[in-house]
Amino acid sequence: MKLIQKIYNSKFIQFENQISLVILLSVLGPVITVSAGFWDAISHLLNEPEFFWSPSHVIVYFGVSMTAFAAFLGKIQIFKKPLSKSFKNGIHLVTIGAILQLVSGFGDSLSHDLFGIDGLISWSHQPLELGLVLGSLGGLILLKNRENSRLKILLPFSIITFLFFTIWLGFNLVLIFGHVIQCIPVYEIFSSGCAIL
């Protein structure tokens, strides 16, 4: 821990670079998580064996770790220097999103151990998706606070990512309440979710 603190406080890593790292990790972490999540869903469709350290899961964990590390570094920044309220709120959202993803990821692993392959709708997937929404919103807020930096090139990407995650969560929540519709052939790809409901 002291080594990390020494490196983090060194003159080589200036405040602006630290903030840029927090922003970069908080924007890219959720994207990597979801990308690997789609890979994992395809593995489920192909009925490939499910285990904790499958390649798609490892990449999901890597994406979640990026978000969690962004939250950790962001919290250090809050204690080191005075930041705007908006920036602090962004860090808090990234932190809550990372915690939800970590807890839900552990819950999803338990769910797979107990029930096997699950569907799109499960008690662990929706909190995980909410964590992605909050983490990406936090990343967007952080990025918006540094709009006049080199990172501004990521702003459209961050907005689209946040909107996609939000729509995806909304779609899944609609499926919970519209479970009959979920099981029609249009939703064949998600058919294993019908058993959960």
C-alpha atoms as a PDB file:
ATOM      1  CA  MET A   1       0.000   0.000   0.000  1.00  0.00           C
ATOM      2  CA  LYS A   2       2.838   2.416   0.849  1.00  0.00           C
ATOM      3  CA  LEU A   3       4.534   1.622  -2.459  1.00  0.00           C
ATOM      4  CA  ILE A   4       1.355   2.504  -4.374  1.00  0.00           C
ATOM      5  CA  GLN A   5       1.046   5.713  -2.377  1.00  0.00           C
ATOM      6  CA  LYS A   6       4.703   6.652  -3.059  1.00  0.00           C
ATOM      7  CA  ILE A   7       4.302   6.042  -6.780  1.00  0.00           C
ATOM      8  CA  TYR A   8       0.986   7.856  -6.846  1.00  0.00           C
ATOM      9  CA  ASN A   9       2.409  10.872  -5.000  1.00  0.00           C
ATOM     10  CA  SER A  10       5.593  11.044  -7.071  1.00  0.00           C
ATOM     11  CA  LYS A  11       6.403  14.077  -9.189  1.00  0.00           C
ATOM     12  CA  PHE A  12       6.216  11.920 -12.300  1.00  0.00           C
ATOM     13  CA  ILE A  13       2.516  11.489 -11.833  1.00  0.00           C
ATOM     14  CA  GLN A  14       1.141  15.007 -11.679  1.00  0.00           C
ATOM     15  CA  PHE A  15      -2.395  15.857 -10.546  1.00  0.00           C
ATOM     16  CA  GLU A  16      -3.738  16.316 -14.077  1.00  0.00           C
ATOM     17  CA  ASN A  17      -2.319  12.950 -15.140  1.00  0.00           C
ATOM     18  CA  GLN A  18      -3.891  11.290 -12.116  1.00  0.00           C
ATOM     19  CA  ILE A  19      -7.265  12.820 -12.950  1.00  0.00           C
ATOM     20  CA  SER A  20      -6.868  11.763 -16.585  1.00  0.00           C
ATOM     21  CA  LEU A  21      -6.184   8.190 -15.462  1.00  0.00           C
ATOM     22  CA  VAL A  22      -9.300   8.190 -13.273  1.00  0.00           C
ATOM     23  CA  ILE A  23     -11.393   9.443 -16.197  1.00  0.00           C
ATOM     24  CA  LEU A  24      -9.904   7.014 -18.692  1.00  0.00           C
ATOM     25  CA  LEU A  25     -10.441   4.002 -16.427  1.00  0.00           C
ATOM     26  CA  SER A  26     -13.977   5.044 -15.488  1.00  0.00           C
ATOM     27  CA  VAL A  27     -14.987   5.504 -19.141  1.00  0.00           C
ATOM     28  CA  LEU A  28     -13.317   2.393 -20.581  1.00  0.00           C
ATOM     29  CA  GLY A  29     -13.895  -0.037 -17.673  1.00  0.00           C
ATOM     30  CA  PRO A  30     -17.667  -0.413 -18.182  1.00  0.00           C
ATOM     31  CA  VAL A  31     -17.214  -0.772 -21.956  1.00  0.00           C
ATOM     32  CA  ILE A  32     -14.768  -3.642 -21.499  1.00  0.00           C
ATOM     33  CA  THR A  33     -17.120  -5.239 -18.955  1.00  0.00           C
ATOM     34  CA  VAL A  34     -20.095  -5.135 -21.323  1.00  0.00           C
ATOM     35  CA  SER A  35     -18.090  -6.294 -24.333  1.00  0.00           C
ATOM     36  CA  ALA A  36     -16.918  -9.362 -22.435  1.00  0.00           C
ATOM     37  CA  GLY A  37     -20.453  -9.774 -21.077  1.00  0.00           C
ATOM     38  CA  PHE A  38     -21.753 -10.155 -24.638  1.00  0.00           C
ATOM     39  CA  TRP A  39     -19.032 -12.711 -25.284  1.00  0.00           C
ATOM     40  CA  ASP A  40     -20.183 -14.543 -22.139  1.00  0.00           C
ATOM     41  CA  ALA A  41     -23.812 -14.433 -23.326  1.00  0.00           C
ATOM     42  CA  ILE A  42     -22.786 -15.983 -26.647  1.00  0.00           C
ATOM     43  CA  SER A  43     -20.988 -18.715 -24.702  1.00  0.00           C
ATOM     44  CA  HIS A  44     -24.243 -19.353 -22.836  1.00  0.00           C
ATOM     45  CA  LEU A  45     -26.140 -19.638 -26.133  1.00  0.00           C
ATOM     46  CA  LEU A  46     -23.608 -22.178 -27.372  1.00  0.00           C
ATOM     47  CA  ASN A  47     -24.023 -24.124 -24.086  1.00  0.00           C
ATOM     48  CA  GLU A  48     -20.305 -23.951 -23.429  1.00  0.00           C
ATOM     49  CA  PRO A  49     -19.255 -25.092 -19.957  1.00  0.00           C
ATOM     50  CA  GLU A  50     -19.656 -22.353 -17.358  1.00  0.00           C
ATOM     51  CA  PHE A  51     -16.825 -21.793 -14.908  1.00  0.00           C
ATOM     52  CA  PHE A  52     -15.540 -18.859 -12.883  1.00  0.00           C
ATOM     53  CA  TRP A  53     -12.257 -18.354 -14.760  1.00  0.00           C
ATOM     54  CA  SER A  54     -13.560 -18.643 -18.318  1.00  0.00           C
ATOM     55  CA  PRO A  55     -11.822 -16.194 -20.719  1.00  0.00           C
ATOM     56  CA  SER A  56     -14.923 -14.007 -21.057  1.00  0.00           C
ATOM     57  CA  HIS A  57     -15.324 -13.824 -17.274  1.00  0.00           C
ATOM     58  CA  VAL A  58     -11.667 -12.844 -16.811  1.00  0.00           C
ATOM     59  CA  ILE A  59     -12.152  -9.910 -19.188  1.00  0.00           C
ATOM     60  CA  VAL A  60     -15.381  -8.948 -17.396  1.00  0.00           C
ATOM     61  CA  TYR A  61     -13.434  -8.944 -14.111  1.00  0.00           C
ATOM     62  CA  PHE A  62     -10.695  -6.866 -15.745  1.00  0.00           C
ATOM     63  CA  GLY A  63     -13.262  -4.235 -16.819  1.00  0.00           C
ATOM     64  CA  VAL A  64     -14.824  -4.159 -13.360  1.00  0.00           C
ATOM     65  CA  SER A  65     -11.332  -3.898 -11.836  1.00  0.00           C
ATOM     66  CA  MET A  66     -10.623  -0.881 -14.046  1.00  0.00           C
ATOM     67  CA  THR A  67     -13.777   0.818 -12.751  1.00  0.00           C
ATOM     68  CA  ALA A  68     -12.961  -0.103  -9.146  1.00  0.00           C
ATOM     69  CA  PHE A  69      -9.394   1.199  -9.538  1.00  0.00           C
ATOM     70  CA  ALA A  70     -10.773   4.451 -11.000  1.00  0.00           C
ATOM     71  CA  ALA A  71     -13.020   4.778  -7.946  1.00  0.00           C
ATOM     72  CA  PHE A  72     -10.077   4.105  -5.610  1.00  0.00           C
ATOM     73  CA  LEU A  73      -7.826   6.669  -7.323  1.00  0.00           C
ATOM     74  CA  GLY A  74     -10.705   9.147  -7.459  1.00  0.00           C
ATOM     75  CA  LYS A  75     -11.281   8.843  -3.715  1.00  0.00           C
ATOM     76  CA  ILE A  76      -7.582   9.577  -3.152  1.00  0.00           C
ATOM     77  CA  GLN A  77      -7.988  12.725  -5.273  1.00  0.00           C
ATOM     78  CA  ILE A  78     -10.935  13.859  -3.151  1.00  0.00           C
ATOM     79  CA  PHE A  79      -8.746  13.714  -0.039  1.00  0.00           C
ATOM     80  CA  LYS A  80      -5.679  15.259  -1.690  1.00  0.00           C
ATOM     81  CA  LYS A  81      -7.090  18.369  -3.343  1.00  0.00           C
ATOM     82  CA  PRO A  82     -10.276  20.383  -3.317  1.00  0.00           C
ATOM     83  CA  LEU A  83     -12.382  19.371  -6.298  1.00  0.00           C
ATOM     84  CA  SER A  84     -15.639  20.738  -7.652  1.00  0.00           C
ATOM     85  CA  LYS A  85     -18.875  19.271  -6.317  1.00  0.00           C
ATOM     86  CA  SER A  86     -19.685  17.929  -9.767  1.00  0.00           C
ATOM     87  CA  PHE A  87     -16.345  16.132  -9.978  1.00  0.00           C
ATOM     88  CA  LYS A  88     -16.851  14.628  -6.517  1.00  0.00           C
ATOM     89  CA  ASN A  89     -20.322  13.452  -7.544  1.00  0.00           C
ATOM     90  CA  GLY A  90     -18.803  11.767 -10.591  1.00  0.00           C
ATOM     91  CA  ILE A  91     -16.289   9.939  -8.401  1.00  0.00           C
ATOM     92  CA  HIS A  92     -19.056   8.887  -5.991  1.00  0.00           C
ATOM     93  CA  LEU A  93     -21.120   7.489  -8.890  1.00  0.00           C
ATOM     94  CA  VAL A  94     -18.123   5.556 -10.222  1.00  0.00           C
ATOM     95  CA  THR A  95     -17.555   4.187  -6.703  1.00  0.00           C
ATOM     96  CA  ILE A  96     -21.175   3.088  -6.234  1.00  0.00           C
ATOM     97  CA  GLY A  97     -21.176   1.579  -9.726  1.00  0.00           C
ATOM     98  CA  ALA A  98     -17.967  -0.342  -8.996  1.00  0.00           C
ATOM     99  CA  ILE A  99     -19.326  -1.671  -5.686  1.00  0.00           C
ATOM    100  CA  LEU A 100     -22.561  -2.813  -7.366  1.00  0.00           C
ATOM    101  CA  GLN A 101     -20.582  -4.546 -10.107  1.00  0.00           C
ATOM    102  CA  LEU A 102     -18.273  -6.296  -7.635  1.00  0.00           C
ATOM    103  CA  VAL A 103     -21.107  -7.512  -5.399  1.00  0.00           C
ATOM    104  CA  SER A 104     -23.288  -8.527  -8.353  1.00  0.00           C
ATOM    105  CA  GLY A 105     -20.384 -10.295 -10.043  1.00  0.00           C
ATOM    106  CA  PHE A 106     -19.845 -12.388  -6.927  1.00  0.00           C
ATOM    107  CA  GLY A 107     -23.606 -13.018  -6.769  1.00  0.00           C
ATOM    108  CA  ASP A 108     -23.632 -14.034 -10.431  1.00  0.00           C
ATOM    109  CA  SER A 109     -20.846 -16.529  -9.784  1.00  0.00           C
ATOM    110  CA  LEU A 110     -22.849 -18.007  -6.893  1.00  0.00           C
ATOM    111  CA  SER A 111     -25.942 -18.109  -9.087  1.00  0.00           C
ATOM    112  CA  HIS A 112     -24.073 -20.036 -11.791  1.00  0.00           C
ATOM    113  CA  ASP A 113     -22.774 -22.492  -9.183  1.00  0.00           C
ATOM    114  CA  LEU A 114     -26.250 -23.070  -7.749  1.00  0.00           C
ATOM    115  CA  PHE A 115     -28.477 -22.896 -10.826  1.00  0.00           C
ATOM    116  CA  GLY A 116     -26.177 -23.320 -13.830  1.00  0.00           C
ATOM    117  CA  ILE A 117     -26.489 -21.154 -16.921  1.00  0.00           C
ATOM    118  CA  ASP A 118     -28.976 -18.356 -16.398  1.00  0.00           C
ATOM    119  CA  GLY A 119     -30.833 -16.125 -18.788  1.00  0.00           C
ATOM    120  CA  LEU A 120     -30.859 -12.444 -19.496  1.00  0.00           C
ATOM    121  CA  ILE A 121     -33.053 -11.808 -16.475  1.00  0.00           C
ATOM    122  CA  SER A 122     -31.587 -12.903 -13.164  1.00  0.00           C
ATOM    123  CA  TRP A 123     -31.299 -11.522  -9.653  1.00  0.00           C
ATOM    124  CA  SER A 124     -27.610 -10.764 -10.202  1.00  0.00           C
ATOM    125  CA  HIS A 125     -27.656  -9.305 -13.723  1.00  0.00           C
ATOM    126  CA  GLN A 126     -29.861  -6.258 -13.183  1.00  0.00           C
ATOM    127  CA  PRO A 127     -27.867  -4.849 -10.214  1.00  0.00           C
ATOM    128  CA  LEU A 128     -24.717  -5.437 -12.284  1.00  0.00           C
ATOM    129  CA  GLU A 129     -26.271  -3.476 -15.151  1.00  0.00           C
ATOM    130  CA  LEU A 130     -27.275  -0.696 -12.745  1.00  0.00           C
ATOM    131  CA  GLY A 131     -23.633  -0.576 -11.623  1.00  0.00           C
ATOM    132  CA  LEU A 132     -22.587  -0.187 -15.258  1.00  0.00           C
ATOM    133  CA  VAL A 133     -25.082   2.660 -15.736  1.00  0.00           C
ATOM    134  CA  LEU A 134     -23.908   4.483 -12.602  1.00  0.00           C
ATOM    135  CA  GLY A 135     -20.222   3.897 -13.364  1.00  0.00           C
ATOM    136  CA  SER A 136     -20.570   5.158 -16.929  1.00  0.00           C
ATOM    137  CA  LEU A 137     -22.604   8.177 -15.760  1.00  0.00           C
ATOM    138  CA  GLY A 138     -19.860   8.949 -13.244  1.00  0.00           C
ATOM    139  CA  GLY A 139     -17.255   8.649 -16.000  1.00  0.00           C
ATOM    140  CA  LEU A 140     -19.306  10.976 -18.203  1.00  0.00           C
ATOM    141  CA  ILE A 141     -19.571  13.569 -15.431  1.00  0.00           C
ATOM    142  CA  LEU A 142     -15.823  13.360 -14.766  1.00  0.00           C
ATOM    143  CA  LEU A 143     -15.093  13.723 -18.463  1.00  0.00           C
ATOM    144  CA  LYS A 144     -17.471  16.668 -18.764  1.00  0.00           C
ATOM    145  CA  ASN A 145     -15.504  18.395 -15.983  1.00  0.00           C
ATOM    146  CA  ARG A 146     -12.314  18.093 -18.047  1.00  0.00           C
ATOM    147  CA  GLU A 147     -13.936  18.951 -21.359  1.00  0.00           C
ATOM    148  CA  ASN A 148     -11.117  21.283 -22.367  1.00  0.00           C
ATOM    149  CA  SER A 149      -8.431  18.611 -21.965  1.00  0.00           C
ATOM    150  CA  ARG A 150      -7.156  16.085 -24.510  1.00  0.00           C
ATOM    151  CA  LEU A 151      -9.730  13.618 -23.187  1.00  0.00           C
ATOM    152  CA  LYS A 152     -12.576  15.575 -24.788  1.00  0.00           C
ATOM    153  CA  ILE A 153     -12.270  13.243 -27.762  1.00  0.00           C
ATOM    154  CA  LEU A 154     -13.880  10.549 -25.562  1.00  0.00           C
ATOM    155  CA  LEU A 155     -16.972  12.644 -24.772  1.00  0.00           C
ATOM    156  CA  PRO A 156     -19.224  11.416 -27.646  1.00  0.00           C
ATOM    157  CA  PHE A 157     -18.130   7.836 -26.942  1.00  0.00           C
ATOM    158  CA  SER A 158     -18.916   8.267 -23.241  1.00  0.00           C
ATOM    159  CA  ILE A 159     -22.364   9.728 -23.954  1.00  0.00           C
ATOM    160  CA  ILE A 160     -23.268   6.899 -26.338  1.00  0.00           C
ATOM    161  CA  THR A 161     -21.988   4.318 -23.851  1.00  0.00           C
ATOM    162  CA  PHE A 162     -24.066   5.760 -21.009  1.00  0.00           C
ATOM    163  CA  LEU A 163     -27.177   5.894 -23.201  1.00  0.00           C
ATOM    164  CA  PHE A 164     -26.656   2.320 -24.397  1.00  0.00           C
ATOM    165  CA  PHE A 165     -26.253   0.974 -20.841  1.00  0.00           C
ATOM    166  CA  THR A 166     -29.333   2.876 -19.680  1.00  0.00           C
ATOM    167  CA  ILE A 167     -31.476   1.634 -22.573  1.00  0.00           C
ATOM    168  CA  TRP A 168     -30.191  -1.921 -22.054  1.00  0.00           C
ATOM    169  CA  LEU A 169     -31.124  -1.819 -18.346  1.00  0.00           C
ATOM    170  CA  GLY A 170     -34.541  -0.374 -19.245  1.00  0.00           C
ATOM    171  CA  PHE A 171     -35.075  -3.132 -21.833  1.00  0.00           C
ATOM    172  CA  ASN A 172     -34.270  -5.804 -19.262  1.00  0.00           C
ATOM    173  CA  LEU A 173     -36.550  -4.255 -16.650  1.00  0.00           C
ATOM    174  CA  VAL A 174     -39.386  -4.210 -19.198  1.00  0.00           C
ATOM    175  CA  LEU A 175     -38.753  -7.915 -19.815  1.00  0.00           C
ATOM    176  CA  ILE A 176     -39.245  -8.621 -16.111  1.00  0.00           C
ATOM    177  CA  PHE A 177     -42.743  -7.151 -16.250  1.00  0.00           C
ATOM    178  CA  GLY A 178     -43.508  -8.340 -19.773  1.00  0.00           C
ATOM    179  CA  HIS A 179     -42.321 -11.922 -19.276  1.00  0.00           C
ATOM    180  CA  VAL A 180     -44.931 -13.403 -21.621  1.00  0.00           C
ATOM    181  CA  ILE A 181     -43.607 -11.304 -24.499  1.00  0.00           C
ATOM    182  CA  GLN A 182     -40.075 -12.318 -23.618  1.00  0.00           C
ATOM    183  CA  CYS A 183     -40.762 -15.947 -24.469  1.00  0.00           C
ATOM    184  CA  ILE A 184     -42.069 -15.379 -28.004  1.00  0.00           C
ATOM    185  CA  PRO A 185     -39.727 -16.291 -30.894  1.00  0.00           C
ATOM    186  CA  VAL A 186     -38.490 -12.708 -31.319  1.00  0.00           C
ATOM    187  CA  TYR A 187     -36.680 -13.190 -28.015  1.00  0.00           C
ATOM    188  CA  GLU A 188     -35.308 -16.635 -28.866  1.00  0.00           C
ATOM    189  CA  ILE A 189     -31.805 -15.439 -28.079  1.00  0.00           C
ATOM    190  CA  PHE A 190     -32.878 -14.812 -24.489  1.00  0.00           C
ATOM    191  CA  SER A 191     -34.985 -17.970 -24.126  1.00  0.00           C
ATOM    192  CA  SER A 192     -33.034 -19.316 -21.169  1.00  0.00           C
ATOM    193  CA  GLY A 193     -34.317 -16.277 -19.265  1.00  0.00           C
ATOM    194  CA  CYS A 194     -37.890 -17.580 -19.556  1.00  0.00           C
ATOM    195  CA  ALA A 195     -37.074 -20.327 -17.054  1.00  0.00           C
ATOM    196  CA  ILE A 196     -35.949 -17.769 -14.472  1.00  0.00           C
ATOM    197  CA  LEU A 197     -39.314 -16.021 -14.556  1.00  0.00           C
END
